[in-house]
N, C-alpha and C. Protein backbone atom coordinates (compact mmCIF):
# COMPACT_ATOMS: atom_id res chain seq x y z
N MET A 1 59.02 54.22 84.14
CA MET A 1 59.36 54.34 85.73
C MET A 1 58.33 53.91 86.57
N LYS A 2 56.56 54.68 86.08
CA LYS A 2 55.95 54.43 87.08
C LYS A 2 55.57 53.42 87.13
N ALA A 3 55.58 52.53 86.27
CA ALA A 3 55.28 50.88 86.58
C ALA A 3 56.33 50.32 87.69
N VAL A 4 57.41 50.63 87.35
CA VAL A 4 58.56 50.38 88.67
C VAL A 4 58.43 50.71 90.22
N GLU A 5 57.79 52.18 90.25
CA GLU A 5 57.56 52.38 90.96
C GLU A 5 56.12 52.15 92.05
N ARG A 6 55.10 51.65 90.97
CA ARG A 6 54.24 51.50 91.59
C ARG A 6 54.38 49.89 92.23
N ARG A 7 54.90 49.07 91.21
CA ARG A 7 55.26 47.69 91.67
C ARG A 7 56.11 47.79 93.03
N ARG A 8 56.73 48.62 93.23
CA ARG A 8 57.37 48.80 94.55
C ARG A 8 56.55 48.94 95.62
N TRP A 9 55.81 49.69 95.17
CA TRP A 9 54.63 50.24 96.70
C TRP A 9 54.01 48.62 96.69
N ILE A 10 53.46 47.71 95.67
CA ILE A 10 52.62 47.01 95.90
C ILE A 10 53.34 46.17 96.59
N ASN A 11 55.01 45.81 96.41
CA ASN A 11 55.40 44.66 96.92
C ASN A 11 55.98 45.53 98.73
N GLY A 12 56.01 46.16 98.80
CA GLY A 12 56.20 47.01 100.30
C GLY A 12 55.29 46.20 100.59
N GLY A 13 53.95 47.22 100.73
CA GLY A 13 52.29 46.62 101.00
C GLY A 13 52.06 45.47 101.48
N LEU A 14 52.96 44.35 100.82
CA LEU A 14 52.34 42.95 100.72
C LEU A 14 53.70 42.41 101.56
N LEU A 15 54.66 42.90 101.91
CA LEU A 15 55.58 42.76 102.71
C LEU A 15 55.57 43.12 104.08
N ILE A 16 54.96 44.28 104.40
CA ILE A 16 54.29 44.65 105.81
C ILE A 16 52.99 43.57 106.36
N LEU A 17 52.11 43.64 104.89
CA LEU A 17 51.02 42.37 105.39
C LEU A 17 51.30 40.51 105.69
N ALA A 18 52.38 40.44 105.28
CA ALA A 18 52.91 39.12 105.52
C ALA A 18 53.54 39.16 107.11
N GLY A 19 53.95 40.60 107.18
CA GLY A 19 54.75 40.47 108.52
C GLY A 19 53.84 40.42 109.67
N GLY A 20 52.68 41.48 109.28
CA GLY A 20 51.78 41.39 110.38
C GLY A 20 50.83 40.08 110.52
N LEU A 21 50.85 39.36 109.56
CA LEU A 21 50.37 38.17 109.53
C LEU A 21 50.93 37.09 110.45
N ALA A 22 52.54 36.84 110.09
CA ALA A 22 53.55 36.08 110.98
C ALA A 22 53.53 36.93 112.55
N ALA A 23 53.36 38.21 112.56
CA ALA A 23 53.31 38.48 114.25
C ALA A 23 52.02 37.92 115.01
N LEU A 24 50.86 37.95 113.89
CA LEU A 24 49.48 37.42 114.68
C LEU A 24 49.57 36.21 114.63
N ALA A 25 50.39 35.16 113.88
CA ALA A 25 50.47 33.97 114.00
C ALA A 25 51.25 33.69 115.34
N LEU A 26 52.43 34.19 115.64
CA LEU A 26 53.20 34.16 116.66
C LEU A 26 52.31 34.17 118.18
N LEU A 27 51.57 35.75 118.35
CA LEU A 27 50.74 35.57 119.35
C LEU A 27 49.71 34.62 119.44
N ASP A 28 48.98 34.28 118.81
CA ASP A 28 48.24 33.01 118.85
C ASP A 28 48.42 31.92 119.18
N SER A 29 49.73 31.48 118.63
CA SER A 29 50.53 30.51 118.99
C SER A 29 50.78 30.35 120.42
N GLY A 30 50.99 31.40 121.35
CA GLY A 30 51.45 31.42 122.78
C GLY A 30 50.36 31.38 123.48
N ARG A 31 49.03 31.25 122.86
CA ARG A 31 47.73 31.19 123.67
C ARG A 31 47.59 29.90 124.24
N GLU A 32 47.45 29.44 125.63
CA GLU A 32 47.01 28.15 126.21
C GLU A 32 45.77 27.48 125.24
N PRO A 33 45.44 26.28 124.95
CA PRO A 33 44.46 25.48 124.73
C PRO A 33 43.40 25.95 125.83
N PRO A 34 42.27 26.00 125.28
CA PRO A 34 40.51 25.82 126.20
C PRO A 34 40.66 24.64 127.14
N PRO A 35 40.34 24.66 128.40
CA PRO A 35 40.60 23.68 129.19
C PRO A 35 40.11 22.46 128.95
N LEU A 36 40.20 21.04 129.48
CA LEU A 36 39.37 19.78 129.38
C LEU A 36 37.86 19.78 129.98
N LEU A 37 36.90 19.48 129.76
CA LEU A 37 35.83 18.95 130.35
C LEU A 37 35.84 18.18 131.24
N MET A 38 36.59 17.47 131.32
CA MET A 38 36.58 16.55 132.29
C MET A 38 38.20 16.00 132.75
N LYS A 39 38.35 15.77 134.01
CA LYS A 39 39.67 15.04 134.05
C LYS A 39 40.06 13.93 133.70
N LYS A 40 41.66 14.43 133.61
CA LYS A 40 42.33 13.08 133.07
C LYS A 40 42.26 11.99 134.24
N SER A 41 42.39 10.65 133.36
CA SER A 41 42.15 9.62 134.28
C SER A 41 43.24 8.72 133.57
N SER A 42 44.28 7.89 134.40
CA SER A 42 44.97 7.17 134.29
C SER A 42 44.61 5.53 133.94
N ALA A 43 43.35 5.38 134.24
CA ALA A 43 42.85 4.12 133.98
C ALA A 43 41.84 4.58 132.90
N PRO A 44 41.35 3.48 132.37
CA PRO A 44 40.61 3.26 131.41
C PRO A 44 38.98 2.87 131.26
N ILE A 45 38.19 3.93 130.63
CA ILE A 45 37.09 3.76 131.18
C ILE A 45 36.40 2.24 130.71
N VAL A 46 35.50 2.03 131.73
CA VAL A 46 34.96 0.72 131.52
C VAL A 46 33.64 0.98 131.72
N ARG A 47 32.49 1.63 132.30
CA ARG A 47 31.08 1.90 131.93
C ARG A 47 30.98 3.11 132.03
N ILE A 48 30.00 3.13 130.97
CA ILE A 48 29.09 4.29 130.68
C ILE A 48 27.69 4.66 130.62
N THR A 49 27.19 5.03 131.39
CA THR A 49 25.72 5.19 131.15
C THR A 49 25.10 6.63 130.90
N VAL A 50 24.31 6.38 130.13
CA VAL A 50 23.33 7.58 129.57
C VAL A 50 21.83 7.37 130.13
N THR A 51 21.78 8.66 131.09
CA THR A 51 19.98 8.74 131.74
C THR A 51 19.44 10.03 130.54
N ARG A 52 18.18 9.49 130.11
CA ARG A 52 17.73 10.12 129.06
C ARG A 52 16.18 10.17 129.45
N PRO A 53 16.09 11.66 130.13
CA PRO A 53 14.40 11.52 130.62
C PRO A 53 13.49 11.03 129.31
N GLY A 54 12.40 10.24 129.52
CA GLY A 54 11.28 9.94 128.46
C GLY A 54 12.18 8.98 127.47
N GLN A 55 13.17 8.36 127.74
CA GLN A 55 13.89 7.22 126.68
C GLN A 55 14.64 6.20 127.79
N PRO A 56 14.74 5.25 127.37
CA PRO A 56 15.41 4.17 128.12
C PRO A 56 16.85 4.97 128.65
N THR A 57 17.64 4.48 129.85
CA THR A 57 18.67 4.69 130.39
C THR A 57 19.57 3.50 128.91
N LEU A 58 20.99 3.92 129.04
CA LEU A 58 21.31 3.21 128.13
C LEU A 58 22.93 3.11 129.36
N VAL A 59 23.16 1.54 129.25
CA VAL A 59 24.28 1.31 130.02
C VAL A 59 25.25 0.20 128.97
N PHE A 60 26.51 0.98 129.07
CA PHE A 60 27.33 -0.09 128.16
C PHE A 60 28.83 -0.25 129.29
N ALA A 61 28.90 -1.42 129.59
CA ALA A 61 30.56 -1.98 129.64
C ALA A 61 31.40 -2.46 128.76
N ARG A 62 32.60 -2.72 129.32
CA ARG A 62 33.94 -3.16 128.66
C ARG A 62 33.77 -4.66 129.00
N GLN A 63 34.14 -5.45 127.76
CA GLN A 63 34.36 -6.71 128.20
C GLN A 63 34.92 -7.47 126.98
N GLU A 64 35.94 -8.01 127.46
CA GLU A 64 37.04 -8.64 126.51
C GLU A 64 37.38 -7.48 125.52
N GLY A 65 37.69 -6.69 126.13
CA GLY A 65 38.28 -5.53 125.17
C GLY A 65 37.45 -4.94 124.16
N ARG A 66 35.96 -5.20 124.48
CA ARG A 66 34.97 -4.63 123.44
C ARG A 66 34.33 -3.77 124.24
N TRP A 67 33.14 -3.18 124.12
CA TRP A 67 32.15 -2.37 124.72
C TRP A 67 30.57 -3.62 124.32
N ARG A 68 30.21 -3.76 125.60
CA ARG A 68 28.69 -4.27 125.37
C ARG A 68 27.68 -3.59 125.96
N MET A 69 26.23 -3.77 124.94
CA MET A 69 25.34 -2.69 125.88
C MET A 69 24.66 -3.63 126.69
N ILE A 70 24.55 -3.27 127.84
CA ILE A 70 23.79 -3.99 128.87
C ILE A 70 22.69 -3.58 128.99
N THR A 71 21.88 -2.32 129.16
CA THR A 71 20.72 -1.99 129.15
C THR A 71 20.17 -1.03 128.14
N PRO A 72 19.07 -1.01 127.32
CA PRO A 72 17.57 -1.80 127.68
C PRO A 72 18.10 -2.98 126.52
N ASP A 73 18.97 -3.24 125.68
CA ASP A 73 19.05 -3.96 125.10
C ASP A 73 20.60 -4.71 125.40
N SER A 74 20.48 -6.09 125.26
CA SER A 74 21.70 -6.49 125.20
C SER A 74 22.94 -7.29 124.10
N GLY A 75 24.02 -6.82 123.74
CA GLY A 75 24.54 -6.99 122.40
C GLY A 75 25.79 -6.05 122.49
N TRP A 76 26.65 -6.88 121.61
CA TRP A 76 27.80 -6.00 121.21
C TRP A 76 27.73 -4.49 121.01
N ALA A 77 28.09 -3.51 121.34
CA ALA A 77 27.69 -2.14 120.87
C ALA A 77 28.27 -1.40 119.74
N ASN A 78 27.84 -0.74 119.06
CA ASN A 78 28.68 -0.43 117.65
C ASN A 78 30.30 0.33 118.21
N ALA A 79 31.13 0.08 117.87
CA ALA A 79 32.67 0.64 118.10
C ALA A 79 32.82 2.17 117.97
N VAL A 80 31.95 2.55 116.62
CA VAL A 80 32.44 3.65 116.22
C VAL A 80 31.43 4.70 117.02
N LEU A 81 30.51 4.53 117.27
CA LEU A 81 29.63 5.29 118.24
C LEU A 81 29.87 5.34 119.64
N ILE A 82 30.39 4.19 120.16
CA ILE A 82 31.18 4.40 121.37
C ILE A 82 32.20 5.25 121.67
N ASN A 83 33.56 5.25 120.35
CA ASN A 83 34.30 5.94 120.13
C ASN A 83 34.14 7.50 120.32
N ARG A 84 32.86 7.73 119.48
CA ARG A 84 32.67 8.87 119.28
C ARG A 84 31.83 9.65 121.01
N VAL A 85 31.22 9.12 121.72
CA VAL A 85 30.72 9.09 122.90
C VAL A 85 32.37 9.45 124.38
N LEU A 86 33.25 8.61 123.87
CA LEU A 86 34.53 8.71 124.62
C LEU A 86 35.26 9.94 124.53
N GLU A 87 34.92 10.47 123.15
CA GLU A 87 35.35 11.49 122.75
C GLU A 87 35.28 12.51 124.09
N ALA A 88 34.16 12.42 124.89
CA ALA A 88 33.89 13.34 125.36
C ALA A 88 35.14 14.01 126.56
N THR A 89 35.95 13.12 126.81
CA THR A 89 37.30 13.04 127.67
C THR A 89 37.91 13.65 126.95
N THR A 90 38.00 14.45 125.79
CA THR A 90 39.25 15.06 124.97
C THR A 90 38.54 16.55 124.78
N LEU A 91 37.27 16.60 125.28
CA LEU A 91 36.24 17.75 124.36
C LEU A 91 36.89 19.08 124.94
N ARG A 92 37.27 19.97 125.04
CA ARG A 92 38.13 21.66 125.15
C ARG A 92 36.68 22.37 124.92
N CYS A 93 36.56 23.02 126.37
CA CYS A 93 35.76 24.29 125.97
C CYS A 93 36.03 25.90 126.64
N PRO A 94 35.82 26.64 125.70
CA PRO A 94 36.24 28.11 125.53
C PRO A 94 35.75 28.86 126.91
N ARG A 95 34.70 28.35 127.05
CA ARG A 95 34.17 29.28 128.66
C ARG A 95 33.53 28.53 129.53
N GLN A 96 33.76 29.14 131.02
CA GLN A 96 33.08 28.22 132.21
C GLN A 96 32.83 28.95 133.00
N TYR A 97 32.00 29.07 133.67
CA TYR A 97 31.56 29.81 134.89
C TYR A 97 31.01 28.89 135.94
N PRO A 98 31.27 29.03 137.29
CA PRO A 98 30.82 28.75 138.87
C PRO A 98 29.28 28.68 138.41
N ALA A 99 28.82 26.85 138.56
CA ALA A 99 27.30 26.76 138.54
C ALA A 99 26.52 27.56 139.52
N ALA A 100 26.94 28.15 140.72
CA ALA A 100 26.43 28.59 142.12
C ALA A 100 26.08 30.14 141.43
N ASP A 101 26.89 30.65 140.31
CA ASP A 101 26.24 32.12 139.48
C ASP A 101 25.40 32.07 138.56
N LEU A 102 25.16 30.95 138.28
CA LEU A 102 23.65 30.62 137.14
C LEU A 102 22.80 30.26 137.37
N ASP A 103 21.68 30.35 136.69
CA ASP A 103 20.16 30.36 136.98
C ASP A 103 20.10 28.49 136.41
N LEU A 104 20.23 27.67 136.95
CA LEU A 104 20.68 26.41 136.51
C LEU A 104 18.91 25.79 135.86
N PRO A 105 17.98 26.06 136.31
CA PRO A 105 16.84 25.57 136.05
C PRO A 105 16.08 26.56 134.48
N ALA A 106 16.91 27.67 134.58
CA ALA A 106 16.88 28.08 132.78
C ALA A 106 17.83 27.68 131.95
N LEU A 107 18.95 26.90 132.19
CA LEU A 107 19.76 26.45 131.32
C LEU A 107 19.37 24.93 131.29
N ARG A 108 18.20 24.57 131.78
CA ARG A 108 17.66 23.06 131.78
C ARG A 108 19.04 22.13 132.01
N LEU A 109 19.81 22.41 133.31
CA LEU A 109 20.65 21.96 134.02
C LEU A 109 20.14 21.28 135.44
N ASP A 110 19.09 21.82 136.10
CA ASP A 110 18.34 21.28 137.18
C ASP A 110 17.03 21.14 136.74
N PRO A 111 16.59 20.24 136.43
CA PRO A 111 17.19 19.16 135.80
C PRO A 111 17.51 19.15 134.65
N SER A 112 18.50 18.00 134.29
CA SER A 112 19.06 18.07 133.20
C SER A 112 18.44 17.47 131.99
N LEU A 113 18.75 18.03 130.34
CA LEU A 113 18.46 17.37 129.42
C LEU A 113 18.55 15.82 129.55
N LEU A 114 19.72 15.67 129.91
CA LEU A 114 20.22 14.04 129.53
C LEU A 114 21.66 14.29 130.37
N GLN A 115 22.14 13.08 130.99
CA GLN A 115 23.16 12.99 131.62
C GLN A 115 24.27 11.93 130.90
N LEU A 116 25.30 11.91 131.22
CA LEU A 116 26.27 10.98 130.55
C LEU A 116 27.11 10.85 131.77
N ARG A 117 27.27 9.82 131.83
CA ARG A 117 28.46 9.11 133.03
C ARG A 117 29.35 8.28 132.72
N LEU A 118 30.87 8.46 133.24
CA LEU A 118 31.79 7.91 132.47
C LEU A 118 32.83 7.70 133.39
N ASP A 119 32.29 6.14 134.15
CA ASP A 119 32.91 5.67 135.22
C ASP A 119 32.31 6.79 136.32
N ASP A 120 33.16 7.45 137.00
CA ASP A 120 32.76 8.20 138.08
C ASP A 120 32.72 9.94 137.64
N GLN A 121 32.78 10.17 136.53
CA GLN A 121 32.34 11.12 136.13
C GLN A 121 30.82 11.25 135.46
N GLU A 122 30.24 12.85 135.60
CA GLU A 122 29.40 12.99 135.14
C GLU A 122 29.25 14.10 134.46
N ILE A 123 28.60 14.03 133.19
CA ILE A 123 28.28 15.58 132.59
C ILE A 123 26.63 15.60 132.46
N HIS A 124 26.45 16.78 132.84
CA HIS A 124 24.83 17.42 132.40
C HIS A 124 24.57 18.25 131.48
N PHE A 125 23.58 17.72 130.38
CA PHE A 125 23.51 18.68 129.18
C PHE A 125 22.52 19.30 129.41
N GLY A 126 22.63 20.67 128.80
CA GLY A 126 21.75 21.92 129.26
C GLY A 126 21.16 22.03 127.56
N VAL A 127 20.63 23.67 127.88
CA VAL A 127 20.25 23.93 126.34
C VAL A 127 21.45 24.23 125.65
N THR A 128 21.38 24.60 124.35
CA THR A 128 22.47 25.31 123.44
C THR A 128 22.03 27.00 123.58
N THR A 129 22.83 27.89 122.82
CA THR A 129 23.16 29.10 122.86
C THR A 129 22.43 29.52 121.70
N PRO A 130 21.66 30.43 121.53
CA PRO A 130 21.15 30.73 120.33
C PRO A 130 21.91 31.26 119.24
N THR A 131 23.03 31.74 119.95
CA THR A 131 24.05 32.72 118.91
C THR A 131 25.06 31.85 118.11
N ASP A 132 25.73 31.04 119.01
CA ASP A 132 26.59 30.07 118.28
C ASP A 132 26.65 28.63 118.43
N GLY A 133 25.52 28.34 119.00
CA GLY A 133 24.80 26.47 118.94
C GLY A 133 26.03 26.01 119.93
N LEU A 134 26.77 26.47 121.28
CA LEU A 134 27.46 25.79 121.95
C LEU A 134 26.30 25.99 123.08
N ARG A 135 26.69 24.41 123.95
CA ARG A 135 25.60 23.76 124.81
C ARG A 135 26.00 24.15 126.49
N TYR A 136 25.65 24.22 127.11
CA TYR A 136 25.72 24.17 128.51
C TYR A 136 25.95 23.10 128.98
N LEU A 137 27.08 22.37 129.39
CA LEU A 137 27.39 21.32 130.05
C LEU A 137 27.92 21.29 131.49
N GLN A 138 27.68 20.97 132.48
CA GLN A 138 27.89 20.87 133.77
C GLN A 138 28.75 19.96 134.37
N THR A 139 29.70 20.30 135.19
CA THR A 139 30.73 18.99 135.67
C THR A 139 30.80 19.47 136.58
N GLY A 140 30.44 18.70 137.71
CA GLY A 140 30.78 19.40 139.02
C GLY A 140 30.06 20.82 139.26
N ALA A 141 30.88 21.78 139.86
CA ALA A 141 30.50 22.72 140.38
C ALA A 141 30.65 23.76 139.37
N THR A 142 31.23 23.56 137.79
CA THR A 142 31.61 24.38 136.79
C THR A 142 30.12 24.20 135.67
N VAL A 143 29.94 25.24 134.92
CA VAL A 143 29.28 24.94 133.78
C VAL A 143 29.94 25.59 132.55
N HIS A 144 30.17 24.69 131.73
CA HIS A 144 31.06 24.84 130.40
C HIS A 144 30.25 25.10 129.12
N LEU A 145 30.63 25.93 128.52
CA LEU A 145 29.93 26.35 127.20
C LEU A 145 30.68 25.14 126.24
N CYS A 146 30.51 24.38 125.50
CA CYS A 146 30.91 23.74 124.56
C CYS A 146 30.64 23.53 123.34
N PRO A 147 31.29 23.03 121.99
CA PRO A 147 30.89 22.42 121.13
C PRO A 147 30.23 21.23 121.42
N ASP A 148 29.02 20.94 120.49
CA ASP A 148 28.37 19.94 120.62
C ASP A 148 28.05 18.94 119.88
N PRO A 149 29.05 17.92 120.20
CA PRO A 149 28.98 16.97 118.74
C PRO A 149 28.33 15.55 119.58
N LEU A 150 27.45 15.79 120.73
CA LEU A 150 27.34 14.33 121.08
C LEU A 150 26.01 14.41 121.79
N TYR A 151 25.12 15.65 121.70
CA TYR A 151 23.33 15.39 122.50
C TYR A 151 22.97 14.79 121.41
N ARG A 152 22.98 14.85 119.94
CA ARG A 152 21.88 14.26 119.26
C ARG A 152 22.26 12.66 118.89
N LEU A 153 23.78 12.22 119.42
CA LEU A 153 23.64 10.65 119.22
C LEU A 153 23.60 10.39 120.54
N LEU A 154 23.49 10.67 121.41
CA LEU A 154 22.95 10.32 122.95
C LEU A 154 21.61 10.25 122.78
N THR A 155 20.53 10.94 122.26
CA THR A 155 19.30 11.28 122.20
C THR A 155 18.67 9.79 121.08
N SER A 156 19.51 9.44 120.42
CA SER A 156 19.14 8.99 119.56
C SER A 156 18.69 7.36 119.55
N ALA A 157 18.21 6.46 118.95
CA ALA A 157 17.47 5.33 119.36
C ALA A 157 18.58 4.42 120.19
N ALA A 158 17.96 3.87 121.19
CA ALA A 158 19.02 2.49 121.62
C ALA A 158 19.78 1.51 120.79
N ALA A 159 18.33 1.07 119.70
CA ALA A 159 19.07 -0.38 118.96
C ALA A 159 19.99 0.59 117.93
N SER A 160 20.13 1.85 117.79
CA SER A 160 21.13 2.24 116.96
C SER A 160 22.66 2.15 117.34
N PHE A 161 22.73 1.98 118.88
CA PHE A 161 24.08 1.61 119.24
C PHE A 161 24.40 0.01 119.44
N LEU A 162 23.48 -0.51 118.95
CA LEU A 162 24.30 -1.60 118.87
C LEU A 162 25.26 -2.34 117.21
N ALA A 163 25.88 -2.88 117.50
CA ALA A 163 26.83 -3.47 116.47
C ALA A 163 25.76 -4.10 115.34
N PRO A 164 26.03 -3.84 114.03
CA PRO A 164 25.13 -4.73 113.13
C PRO A 164 25.69 -5.94 113.04
N PRO A 165 25.01 -7.36 112.79
CA PRO A 165 25.14 -8.47 113.11
C PRO A 165 26.30 -8.70 111.89
N LEU A 166 27.11 -9.55 111.80
CA LEU A 166 27.95 -10.38 110.99
C LEU A 166 27.17 -11.02 110.01
N LYS A 167 27.30 -11.31 108.67
CA LYS A 167 26.52 -11.77 107.60
C LYS A 167 27.77 -13.26 107.90
N THR A 168 27.37 -14.31 107.93
CA THR A 168 27.97 -15.58 107.35
C THR A 168 28.14 -15.89 106.08
N ILE A 169 29.01 -16.47 105.45
CA ILE A 169 28.93 -16.87 104.53
C ILE A 169 27.91 -17.65 103.70
N GLU A 170 27.48 -18.65 104.83
CA GLU A 170 26.25 -19.01 103.82
C GLU A 170 24.98 -18.41 103.40
N SER A 171 24.93 -17.42 104.56
CA SER A 171 23.78 -16.38 104.04
C SER A 171 24.13 -15.52 103.30
N SER A 172 25.34 -15.26 103.08
CA SER A 172 25.46 -13.97 101.79
C SER A 172 25.07 -14.75 100.46
N PRO A 173 24.25 -13.70 99.60
CA PRO A 173 24.25 -14.13 98.16
C PRO A 173 25.32 -14.54 97.34
N ALA A 174 25.35 -15.43 96.74
CA ALA A 174 26.25 -15.77 95.85
C ALA A 174 26.54 -14.98 94.90
N PRO A 175 27.84 -14.36 94.65
CA PRO A 175 28.10 -13.34 93.62
C PRO A 175 27.45 -13.97 91.87
N SER A 176 27.24 -13.20 91.19
CA SER A 176 26.48 -13.18 89.85
C SER A 176 27.71 -13.37 88.83
N GLU A 177 27.87 -14.14 87.99
CA GLU A 177 28.90 -14.25 86.91
C GLU A 177 28.52 -13.48 85.87
């Protein structure tokens, strides 16, 4: 009898735990997602400029449906890397503050460590927080604390943004038999 009674208590406890988890899931699903870093635009982005102190400025333009590096080198851009840069338009930031309330030089937002311009919208990159690695990003009069998937990419060598050249059939080595 004791085994049956113990099993009932365990099953009751598991049922209460499952109900609590379901209630938490319902409460969490009602919460709105954090706001987007950038304003949505109906027009596709046609120009990307990355200003990097101490490094050459990168400029990309959309041509013939593809991205082309204009400065500092010229050539077709690596589509994978450009798509990662364009992900800034869908970046959601959990916290935001009025820029006027913050010490922008201390956050390295005035002057900024890096500036990304997508058509007419600018993002200024500052330092990261030591506790959770979120980066201070400024758009207009607002400073956001955001996950940082872009800074290391945007500070990499300019040549890495060029698409690798396609090999022609004649220049490929013949397969060995």
